[in-house]
Amino acid sequence: MRITIVGGGFSGVALAASLQRIAPDDARIHLVGVDRGFGGGVAYGEARPEHVLNVRARELGLPADDPEDFADWFNLGDRGRNAFLPRQLYGDYLRDRLHELLQAPGARVHAVRREAVAIERVDRGFAVRMDDGAAILGDTVVLAVGALPPPPLAGVGPRLAVHPSYIGWPWQQHAIERIDPDARVLVVGTGLTMADVVLTLHQRGHRARIDALSRHGLLPAEHPEPPLAPVSLPPAILQVLAEHDLRELVRRIRALSNLVDWRALVDALRPHTQAFWQGLPERQRGQFLRHLRSWWEVARHRLPPQVAGHLRAMRENGQLRILRGRLVRAGRADDCVSVLLRPRGASDVRHERYDVLLRATGLNTDVARTTHPLLSQLRESGMVRPDAHELGLDTTDALEVVDARGRVVPGLYCLGPLLRGRYWEITAVPELRSAAHWLAQALVARASAPPAVQSPPALQSQRNPSSSPRPGPGS
């Protein structure tokens, strides 16, 4: 077995850890990732002290069979296990577990701290080419690259796009530090990334007002404190889930929310979400993405109470304003950013002037338009193609990648958020570690008896965490 895992974030580390436990002694596994953030990825490698995990510590263990490993590693008591800890601590945990993995006696996993920029077929395997020209040869490659760089923001003019007053990715080095405390800031996006950005600006002493814009102007819901007791879904909802009827599911959940806390209902849906999505007809998937996606995101991916409290206080004192509408045009004019906004429900546009325009639209998995060097090379060579709704990569049930002609690429697999088209819910630690564990087993089985590999079941954790950490800050 010669396996190359491309991606040094959570998914790559989780897969490497699972393979270390079950792969044959003569297996050789390369974990490839850029040196900056290696072992933590963007989500935890780029985190700042004020950034907080949006899932409780007790659910964040790396092993699929030990969700409390993180809490045990940190020696947390009962209260600490229910706390929302700094993301930097989780990055420390992942890097510590990776260090143990690499230094273990008989380690089969080897770190390659370089950027993979191309993958080529050679004989019956692959050559993964690095940014220094070197190549790793192997039988199997797993794409575990996480979220992709954000695409250009629609409506941003060419002069502004290259000007320091436009920040397309808030976590690029020193981007936020360059913002003057008295600068008028427009943040495009009102989700978890916006919350992180606003919190960082607040921690740095920002004084001017911050506007945050999105189509619906929805903020993520807040985690309850104390944690809610789990609830069981009634048979009527389980039946609707089995029938894959989206409209009826929404109707029944709304009716039941009059009797049960809606957050507990959303949590109870989690073990069923992947199977429900996989059974939805393509037309209903499209309806969900057009009409329900924004509402699901704010209900499903919630804010820790301490972060929600900060945002609430900033809104009450007028420093943070949430706008509903669309960015029509943004350009560089004189010494400011000139912006045209169309408020939701209005036919006219409104002109505003800002000093900084910042994109905070969260998770991007759009393979069709990405500028990611490796994914761009694979797409242009025809080795991969987007899924039907352009949520990520097209794959088989066995997570093998499908090429531009609709053919399986034997030995090339996908793991992580780029599987959203297949599973929808595949951005959180419980689902990601389950997927990594299953794929490790499948790769070992394939090496010993290729025809015996079975299709994966739904990759849900059967535990009941109430939200999910992102693959990228605020995704």
Protein backbone atom coordinates (compact mmCIF):
# COMPACT_ATOMS: atom_id res chain seq x y z
CA MET A 1 0.00 0.00 0.00
CA ARG A 2 1.37 3.36 -1.10
CA ILE A 3 -1.15 6.04 -0.17
CA THR A 4 -0.72 9.78 -0.57
CA ILE A 5 -3.11 11.94 1.45
CA VAL A 6 -3.25 15.48 0.06
CA GLY A 7 -4.31 17.81 2.86
CA GLY A 8 -2.82 18.38 6.30
CA GLY A 9 -6.02 19.51 8.04
CA PHE A 10 -8.50 17.56 10.15
CA SER A 11 -9.65 15.12 7.45
CA GLY A 12 -6.11 14.24 6.38
CA VAL A 13 -4.91 13.75 9.96
CA ALA A 14 -7.97 11.66 10.86
CA LEU A 15 -7.44 9.40 7.85
CA ALA A 16 -3.72 9.05 8.57
CA ALA A 17 -4.46 8.16 12.19
CA SER A 18 -6.97 5.48 11.17
CA LEU A 19 -4.57 4.01 8.60
CA GLN A 20 -1.75 3.93 11.13
CA ARG A 21 -3.90 1.69 13.31
CA ILE A 22 -5.12 -0.79 10.69
CA ALA A 23 -2.82 -0.68 7.63
CA PRO A 24 -0.30 -3.49 7.03
CA ASP A 25 3.18 -3.04 8.46
CA ASP A 26 4.69 -2.51 5.01
CA ALA A 27 2.23 0.24 4.06
CA ARG A 28 3.72 3.64 3.25
CA ILE A 29 1.47 6.65 3.80
CA HIS A 30 2.46 10.22 2.92
CA LEU A 31 0.54 13.09 4.48
CA VAL A 32 1.07 16.16 2.28
CA GLY A 33 0.29 19.71 3.34
CA VAL A 34 1.70 23.21 3.39
CA ASP A 35 3.99 23.85 6.34
CA ARG A 36 1.90 26.74 7.66
CA GLY A 37 -1.02 25.20 9.50
CA PHE A 38 0.18 21.63 8.97
CA GLY A 39 -1.82 19.36 11.25
CA GLY A 40 -4.46 21.98 11.99
CA GLY A 41 -5.54 23.16 8.58
CA VAL A 42 -7.06 26.59 8.02
CA ALA A 43 -9.77 26.12 10.65
CA TYR A 44 -7.37 25.59 13.55
CA GLY A 45 -3.99 26.57 12.14
CA GLU A 46 -5.10 30.16 11.42
CA ALA A 47 -7.27 30.61 14.53
CA ARG A 48 -6.77 33.59 16.85
CA PRO A 49 -7.10 33.72 20.63
CA GLU A 50 -10.62 35.18 20.47
CA HIS A 51 -11.94 32.50 18.10
CA VAL A 52 -14.02 29.89 19.88
CA LEU A 53 -15.09 26.39 18.84
CA ASN A 54 -18.78 26.23 18.05
CA VAL A 55 -19.16 22.70 19.39
CA ARG A 56 -18.72 21.49 22.95
CA ALA A 57 -15.37 19.97 23.89
CA ARG A 58 -16.82 16.56 24.70
CA GLU A 59 -17.59 15.85 21.02
CA LEU A 60 -14.26 16.75 19.40
CA GLY A 61 -12.06 13.68 19.77
CA LEU A 62 -10.07 12.66 16.70
CA PRO A 63 -10.74 8.88 16.86
CA ALA A 64 -14.12 7.78 15.54
CA ASP A 65 -14.55 5.45 18.50
CA ASP A 66 -13.51 7.98 21.16
CA PRO A 67 -15.30 11.36 20.82
CA GLU A 68 -14.11 12.45 24.27
CA ASP A 69 -10.41 12.08 23.45
CA PHE A 70 -9.95 15.86 23.15
CA ALA A 71 -11.58 16.48 26.54
CA ASP A 72 -9.43 13.71 28.05
CA TRP A 73 -6.27 15.13 26.46
CA PHE A 74 -7.07 18.49 28.07
CA ASN A 75 -7.98 16.84 31.40
CA LEU A 76 -11.36 18.56 31.46
CA GLY A 77 -13.91 18.03 34.18
CA ASP A 78 -17.65 17.78 33.70
CA ARG A 79 -18.10 21.53 33.31
CA GLY A 80 -15.18 21.88 30.89
CA ARG A 81 -16.47 19.08 28.69
CA ASN A 82 -19.59 21.13 27.97
CA ALA A 83 -17.62 24.33 27.34
CA PHE A 84 -16.79 26.05 24.04
CA LEU A 85 -13.01 26.33 24.09
CA PRO A 86 -10.62 28.43 21.97
CA ARG A 87 -9.95 26.98 18.52
CA GLN A 88 -6.23 27.41 19.07
CA LEU A 89 -6.39 24.72 21.77
CA TYR A 90 -7.97 22.32 19.32
CA GLY A 91 -5.21 23.04 16.85
CA ASP A 92 -2.68 22.21 19.57
CA TYR A 93 -4.50 18.94 20.21
CA LEU A 94 -4.49 17.92 16.54
CA ARG A 95 -0.81 18.75 16.13
CA ASP A 96 0.03 16.82 19.30
CA ARG A 97 -1.85 13.76 18.08
CA LEU A 98 -0.14 14.04 14.69
CA HIS A 99 3.28 14.32 16.35
CA GLU A 100 2.56 11.13 18.32
CA LEU A 101 1.48 9.47 15.09
CA LEU A 102 4.64 10.41 13.21
CA GLN A 103 6.95 9.46 16.08
CA ALA A 104 5.30 6.16 17.01
CA PRO A 105 7.46 3.01 16.74
CA GLY A 106 6.91 1.44 13.35
CA ALA A 107 5.15 4.55 12.05
CA ARG A 108 3.79 4.10 8.55
CA VAL A 109 2.81 7.76 8.16
CA HIS A 110 5.36 10.29 6.87
CA ALA A 111 4.85 14.06 6.75
CA VAL A 112 5.58 16.02 3.57
CA ARG A 113 5.39 19.74 4.34
CA ARG A 114 5.00 20.97 0.79
CA GLU A 115 2.14 22.10 -1.42
CA ALA A 116 0.84 19.56 -3.93
CA VAL A 117 0.23 21.35 -7.24
CA ALA A 118 -0.48 18.52 -9.71
CA ILE A 119 -1.50 14.87 -9.88
CA GLU A 120 -0.65 12.77 -12.90
CA ARG A 121 -1.43 9.18 -13.81
CA VAL A 122 1.62 6.94 -14.13
CA ASP A 123 1.34 3.23 -14.95
CA ARG A 124 -1.38 1.97 -12.59
CA GLY A 125 -0.85 4.66 -9.99
CA PHE A 126 -0.26 8.37 -9.54
CA ALA A 127 2.51 10.91 -9.23
CA VAL A 128 1.71 13.74 -6.84
CA ARG A 129 3.93 16.65 -7.79
CA MET A 130 5.08 19.18 -5.20
CA ASP A 131 5.71 22.91 -5.58
CA ASP A 132 9.47 22.26 -5.59
CA GLY A 133 9.20 19.84 -8.54
CA ALA A 134 9.58 16.64 -6.51
CA ALA A 135 6.98 13.90 -6.90
CA ILE A 136 5.55 11.16 -4.69
CA LEU A 137 4.59 7.94 -6.45
CA GLY A 138 1.74 5.85 -5.08
CA ASP A 139 -1.09 3.46 -5.84
CA THR A 140 -3.76 5.59 -4.15
CA VAL A 141 -4.35 9.31 -3.67
CA VAL A 142 -6.90 10.82 -1.32
CA LEU A 143 -7.93 14.44 -1.87
CA ALA A 144 -8.52 15.82 1.62
CA VAL A 145 -7.86 19.46 0.82
CA GLY A 146 -10.69 20.93 2.90
CA ALA A 147 -12.39 24.15 1.89
CA LEU A 148 -11.19 26.03 -1.20
CA PRO A 149 -10.03 29.65 -1.46
CA PRO A 150 -12.98 32.03 -1.85
CA PRO A 151 -13.78 33.03 -5.45
CA PRO A 152 -13.91 36.69 -6.49
CA LEU A 153 -16.86 38.54 -4.98
CA ALA A 154 -19.50 39.35 -7.59
CA GLY A 155 -19.81 43.07 -8.23
CA VAL A 156 -16.29 44.04 -7.15
CA GLY A 157 -14.63 46.18 -9.81
CA PRO A 158 -11.12 45.42 -11.13
CA ARG A 159 -9.45 48.42 -9.45
CA LEU A 160 -10.91 47.56 -6.07
CA ALA A 161 -10.14 43.85 -6.44
CA VAL A 162 -6.40 44.58 -6.29
CA HIS A 163 -6.58 47.43 -3.76
CA PRO A 164 -5.77 46.96 -0.04
CA SER A 165 -9.24 48.28 0.87
CA TYR A 166 -10.73 45.03 -0.45
CA ILE A 167 -10.07 41.93 1.67
CA GLY A 168 -11.19 38.79 -0.12
CA TRP A 169 -9.95 36.41 2.58
CA PRO A 170 -9.92 37.83 6.13
CA TRP A 171 -7.38 35.34 7.46
CA GLN A 172 -4.59 36.17 5.02
CA GLN A 173 -1.56 37.42 6.89
CA HIS A 174 -2.08 40.81 8.59
CA ALA A 175 -5.26 41.56 6.60
CA ILE A 176 -7.36 42.54 9.60
CA GLU A 177 -4.42 44.17 11.39
CA ARG A 178 -4.21 46.70 8.55
CA ILE A 179 -7.76 47.96 9.16
CA ASP A 180 -7.76 51.34 10.91
CA PRO A 181 -9.89 51.38 14.10
CA ASP A 182 -11.89 54.29 12.65
CA ALA A 183 -12.45 52.69 9.25
CA ARG A 184 -16.00 52.23 7.99
CA VAL A 185 -16.25 48.50 7.24
CA LEU A 186 -18.73 46.57 5.12
CA VAL A 187 -18.63 42.82 5.69
CA VAL A 188 -20.36 40.71 3.03
CA GLY A 189 -21.81 37.72 4.86
CA THR A 190 -23.64 37.39 8.18
CA GLY A 191 -22.67 33.85 9.18
CA LEU A 192 -19.96 32.33 11.34
CA THR A 193 -17.10 33.90 9.40
CA MET A 194 -18.62 37.34 9.92
CA ALA A 195 -18.88 36.61 13.65
CA ASP A 196 -15.18 35.75 13.81
CA VAL A 197 -14.22 38.87 11.83
CA VAL A 198 -16.34 41.21 13.94
CA LEU A 199 -15.06 39.65 17.15
CA THR A 200 -11.45 40.15 16.01
CA LEU A 201 -12.11 43.77 15.07
CA HIS A 202 -13.77 44.34 18.43
CA GLN A 203 -10.84 42.77 20.29
CA ARG A 204 -8.48 45.09 18.43
CA GLY A 205 -10.41 48.16 19.60
CA HIS A 206 -12.34 49.00 16.44
CA ARG A 207 -14.37 52.17 17.00
CA ALA A 208 -16.30 52.82 13.79
CA ARG A 209 -19.55 51.15 12.83
CA ILE A 210 -19.44 47.80 11.04
CA ASP A 211 -22.15 46.86 8.53
CA ALA A 212 -22.74 43.19 7.68
CA LEU A 213 -24.74 42.37 4.54
CA SER A 214 -26.44 39.20 3.34
CA ARG A 215 -29.47 38.35 1.27
CA HIS A 216 -31.69 37.46 4.24
CA GLY A 217 -29.75 39.25 6.99
CA LEU A 218 -29.81 36.09 9.09
CA LEU A 219 -27.46 35.60 12.02
CA PRO A 220 -26.56 32.11 13.27
CA ALA A 221 -28.69 30.97 16.17
CA GLU A 222 -27.20 30.74 19.65
CA HIS A 223 -26.35 27.54 21.48
CA PRO A 224 -28.55 27.04 24.53
CA GLU A 225 -26.99 27.10 27.96
CA PRO A 226 -27.16 24.66 29.67
CA PRO A 227 -27.14 22.02 26.89
CA LEU A 228 -30.52 20.72 25.80
CA ALA A 229 -31.53 17.18 26.63
CA PRO A 230 -31.69 14.98 23.52
CA VAL A 231 -35.13 14.30 22.05
CA SER A 232 -36.36 11.42 19.92
CA LEU A 233 -38.11 12.06 16.64
CA PRO A 234 -41.69 10.79 16.56
CA PRO A 235 -42.60 7.94 14.16
CA ALA A 236 -44.42 10.33 11.81
CA ILE A 237 -41.22 12.30 11.14
CA LEU A 238 -39.14 9.14 10.82
CA GLN A 239 -41.61 7.97 8.18
CA VAL A 240 -41.29 11.24 6.25
CA LEU A 241 -37.50 10.93 6.42
CA ALA A 242 -37.73 7.42 4.98
CA GLU A 243 -39.98 8.71 2.18
CA HIS A 244 -37.57 11.58 1.37
CA ASP A 245 -40.35 14.17 1.24
CA LEU A 246 -38.73 17.56 1.84
CA ARG A 247 -41.89 19.66 1.89
CA GLU A 248 -43.66 17.36 4.35
CA LEU A 249 -40.58 17.20 6.57
CA VAL A 250 -40.46 20.98 6.86
CA ARG A 251 -44.19 21.11 7.63
CA ARG A 252 -43.97 18.50 10.39
CA ILE A 253 -40.87 20.01 11.99
CA ARG A 254 -42.55 23.41 12.10
CA ALA A 255 -45.63 21.92 13.75
CA LEU A 256 -43.58 19.98 16.30
CA SER A 257 -41.48 23.05 17.17
CA ASN A 258 -44.51 24.45 18.97
CA LEU A 259 -44.10 21.65 21.51
CA VAL A 260 -40.32 21.01 21.55
CA ASP A 261 -37.35 23.38 21.38
CA TRP A 262 -36.55 23.64 17.67
CA ARG A 263 -32.82 23.38 18.38
CA ALA A 264 -33.33 19.94 19.91
CA LEU A 265 -35.29 18.92 16.81
CA VAL A 266 -32.49 20.06 14.49
CA ASP A 267 -30.01 18.09 16.60
CA ALA A 268 -32.25 15.00 16.45
CA LEU A 269 -32.30 15.23 12.65
CA ARG A 270 -28.52 15.03 12.46
CA PRO A 271 -28.13 11.21 12.42
CA HIS A 272 -30.62 11.08 9.53
CA THR A 273 -29.47 14.01 7.41
CA GLN A 274 -27.00 12.25 5.12
CA ALA A 275 -29.32 9.37 4.27
CA PHE A 276 -32.20 11.80 3.72
CA TRP A 277 -30.08 13.95 1.38
CA GLN A 278 -28.88 10.94 -0.59
CA GLY A 279 -32.47 9.82 -1.17
CA LEU A 280 -33.73 13.26 -2.26
CA PRO A 281 -34.47 13.62 -5.98
CA GLU A 282 -32.23 16.16 -7.71
CA ARG A 283 -35.16 18.54 -8.12
CA GLN A 284 -35.81 18.61 -4.37
CA ARG A 285 -32.10 19.09 -3.67
CA GLY A 286 -32.20 22.15 -5.91
CA GLN A 287 -35.29 23.46 -4.10
CA PHE A 288 -33.56 23.06 -0.76
CA LEU A 289 -30.47 24.91 -1.96
CA ARG A 290 -32.53 27.77 -3.41
CA HIS A 291 -35.10 28.27 -0.68
CA LEU A 292 -34.08 26.57 2.57
CA ARG A 293 -30.31 26.52 2.65
CA SER A 294 -29.83 29.86 4.43
CA TRP A 295 -32.40 28.96 7.09
CA TRP A 296 -30.88 25.53 7.64
CA GLU A 297 -27.38 26.97 7.99
CA VAL A 298 -28.30 29.42 10.76
CA ALA A 299 -30.29 26.76 12.62
CA ARG A 300 -27.71 24.03 12.26
CA HIS A 301 -24.39 25.87 12.71
CA ARG A 302 -24.76 27.97 15.86
CA LEU A 303 -22.81 30.51 17.82
CA PRO A 304 -21.27 29.82 21.23
CA PRO A 305 -23.11 31.84 23.91
CA GLN A 306 -20.12 34.09 24.61
CA VAL A 307 -19.77 35.05 20.93
CA ALA A 308 -23.50 35.61 20.51
CA GLY A 309 -23.41 37.88 23.57
CA HIS A 310 -20.65 40.03 22.06
CA LEU A 311 -22.55 40.45 18.80
CA ARG A 312 -25.78 41.25 20.62
CA ALA A 313 -24.08 43.96 22.68
CA MET A 314 -22.49 45.48 19.56
CA ARG A 315 -25.86 45.59 17.81
CA GLU A 316 -27.52 47.18 20.82
CA ASN A 317 -24.94 49.96 21.05
CA GLY A 318 -25.10 50.58 17.31
CA GLN A 319 -21.59 49.48 16.40
CA LEU A 320 -22.80 46.48 14.38
CA ARG A 321 -25.62 46.83 11.86
CA ILE A 322 -27.11 43.87 9.95
CA LEU A 323 -28.34 44.67 6.43
CA ARG A 324 -30.64 42.60 4.23
CA GLY A 325 -29.96 42.89 0.54
CA ARG A 326 -27.42 42.40 -2.24
CA LEU A 327 -24.15 43.98 -3.26
CA VAL A 328 -24.77 45.35 -6.75
CA ARG A 329 -21.46 47.04 -7.38
CA ALA A 330 -18.36 48.03 -5.45
CA GLY A 331 -15.49 50.07 -6.82
CA ARG A 332 -12.61 52.28 -5.82
CA ALA A 333 -13.55 55.96 -5.93
CA ASP A 334 -11.26 58.74 -4.70
CA ASP A 335 -10.25 57.72 -1.19
CA CYS A 336 -13.08 55.32 -0.40
CA VAL A 337 -14.94 52.19 -1.48
CA SER A 338 -18.07 53.25 -3.37
CA VAL A 339 -20.84 50.67 -2.94
CA LEU A 340 -24.26 50.20 -4.51
CA LEU A 341 -26.63 48.08 -2.41
CA ARG A 342 -30.13 46.83 -3.22
CA PRO A 343 -32.08 46.36 0.03
CA ARG A 344 -34.19 43.19 0.12
CA GLY A 345 -37.60 43.78 -1.41
CA ALA A 346 -36.62 47.13 -2.95
CA SER A 347 -36.29 47.96 -6.64
CA ASP A 348 -33.98 50.94 -6.13
CA VAL A 349 -30.32 50.82 -5.17
CA ARG A 350 -28.67 52.75 -2.35
CA HIS A 351 -25.23 54.34 -2.46
CA GLU A 352 -22.89 53.94 0.53
CA ARG A 353 -19.25 54.84 1.17
CA TYR A 354 -16.89 52.63 3.16
CA ASP A 355 -13.19 52.46 3.83
CA VAL A 356 -12.93 48.65 3.71
CA LEU A 357 -14.94 45.94 1.96
CA LEU A 358 -14.37 42.50 3.47
CA ARG A 359 -15.65 39.19 2.18
CA ALA A 360 -16.80 36.78 4.90
CA THR A 361 -19.06 34.37 3.05
CA GLY A 362 -17.64 31.23 4.64
CA LEU A 363 -17.15 27.74 3.24
CA ASN A 364 -16.33 27.46 -0.46
CA THR A 365 -16.31 24.10 -2.24
CA ASP A 366 -17.05 25.29 -5.77
CA VAL A 367 -14.65 23.20 -7.85
CA ALA A 368 -15.94 24.64 -11.13
CA ARG A 369 -14.63 28.13 -10.38
CA THR A 370 -11.85 27.59 -7.89
CA THR A 371 -8.39 29.07 -8.23
CA HIS A 372 -6.90 26.36 -5.98
CA PRO A 373 -3.78 25.23 -7.90
CA LEU A 374 -4.26 21.49 -7.49
CA LEU A 375 -8.03 21.42 -8.03
CA SER A 376 -7.66 23.73 -11.03
CA GLN A 377 -5.08 21.38 -12.56
CA LEU A 378 -7.26 18.33 -11.95
CA ARG A 379 -10.34 20.05 -13.38
CA GLU A 380 -8.53 21.32 -16.47
CA SER A 381 -6.95 17.93 -17.12
CA GLY A 382 -10.39 16.30 -16.95
CA MET A 383 -9.45 14.06 -14.03
CA VAL A 384 -12.24 15.48 -11.82
CA ARG A 385 -15.58 17.19 -12.33
CA PRO A 386 -18.02 19.09 -10.09
CA ASP A 387 -21.11 17.32 -8.76
CA ALA A 388 -24.55 18.18 -10.17
CA HIS A 389 -25.12 21.14 -7.84
CA GLU A 390 -21.49 22.31 -7.80
CA LEU A 391 -21.15 21.70 -4.08
CA GLY A 392 -17.88 19.80 -4.49
CA LEU A 393 -16.50 16.85 -6.45
CA ASP A 394 -18.52 14.15 -8.19
CA THR A 395 -17.75 10.77 -6.63
CA THR A 396 -19.04 7.23 -6.44
CA ASP A 397 -20.63 5.68 -3.36
CA ALA A 398 -17.15 4.33 -2.54
CA LEU A 399 -15.82 7.95 -2.57
CA GLU A 400 -13.76 7.39 -5.74
CA VAL A 401 -13.57 10.48 -7.94
CA VAL A 402 -15.46 10.62 -11.25
CA ASP A 403 -13.71 12.28 -14.19
CA ALA A 404 -15.03 14.76 -16.77
CA ARG A 405 -16.38 11.93 -18.94
CA GLY A 406 -18.26 10.32 -16.09
CA ARG A 407 -15.77 7.50 -15.59
CA VAL A 408 -14.42 6.37 -12.25
CA VAL A 409 -10.76 7.20 -11.63
CA PRO A 410 -9.59 4.03 -9.83
CA GLY A 411 -7.44 4.82 -6.84
CA LEU A 412 -8.31 8.55 -6.61
CA TYR A 413 -10.55 9.29 -3.62
CA CYS A 414 -12.11 12.32 -1.99
CA LEU A 415 -12.56 13.04 1.71
CA GLY A 416 -13.90 16.08 3.52
CA PRO A 417 -16.12 19.06 2.61
CA LEU A 418 -15.72 18.44 -1.14
CA LEU A 419 -18.15 15.53 -0.58
CA ARG A 420 -21.00 17.94 0.18
CA GLY A 421 -22.77 17.07 -3.07
CA ARG A 422 -22.98 13.44 -1.95
CA TYR A 423 -23.66 13.88 1.76
CA TRP A 424 -24.49 17.57 2.35
CA GLU A 425 -23.60 17.21 6.05
CA ILE A 426 -19.86 16.52 5.83
CA THR A 427 -18.20 19.60 7.31
CA ALA A 428 -18.27 18.73 11.02
CA VAL A 429 -15.84 16.73 13.15
CA PRO A 430 -18.24 13.80 13.87
CA GLU A 431 -19.06 13.24 10.19
CA LEU A 432 -15.50 13.83 9.01
CA ARG A 433 -13.92 11.39 11.45
CA SER A 434 -16.56 8.74 10.60
CA ALA A 435 -15.83 9.21 6.91
CA ALA A 436 -12.07 8.97 7.53
CA HIS A 437 -12.50 5.79 9.55
CA TRP A 438 -14.67 4.19 6.88
CA LEU A 439 -12.32 5.17 4.05
CA ALA A 440 -9.30 3.77 5.91
CA GLN A 441 -11.08 0.44 6.24
CA ALA A 442 -12.08 0.53 2.56
CA LEU A 443 -8.52 1.25 1.39
CA VAL A 444 -7.11 -1.62 3.42
CA ALA A 445 -9.82 -3.94 2.11
CA ARG A 446 -9.17 -2.78 -1.47
CA ALA A 447 -5.47 -3.53 -1.15
CA SER A 448 -6.12 -7.08 0.05
CA ALA A 449 -9.19 -7.92 -2.03
CA PRO A 450 -10.24 -5.12 -4.40
CA PRO A 451 -13.72 -6.43 -5.36
CA ALA A 452 -14.73 -6.72 -1.71
CA VAL A 453 -14.93 -2.99 -1.00
CA GLN A 454 -18.48 -2.10 0.05
CA SER A 455 -20.30 1.19 -0.36
CA PRO A 456 -20.29 3.29 2.79
CA PRO A 457 -23.36 3.73 4.96
CA ALA A 458 -24.40 7.20 6.06
CA LEU A 459 -21.35 8.57 7.83
CA GLN A 460 -23.23 10.17 10.70
CA SER A 461 -22.07 9.97 14.28
CA GLN A 462 -24.77 8.43 16.42
CA ARG A 463 -23.94 10.82 19.22
CA ASN A 464 -25.92 14.02 19.43
CA PRO A 465 -23.65 17.09 19.14
CA SER A 466 -25.58 20.28 18.63
CA SER A 467 -23.46 21.98 15.99
CA SER A 468 -20.29 21.69 14.01
CA PRO A 469 -16.86 23.27 13.77
CA ARG A 470 -15.94 24.54 10.30
CA PRO A 471 -13.20 23.50 8.00
CA GLY A 472 -12.33 27.11 7.71
CA PRO A 473 -12.67 29.93 10.20
CA GLY A 474 -16.35 30.74 10.18
CA SER A 475 -17.36 28.57 7.37
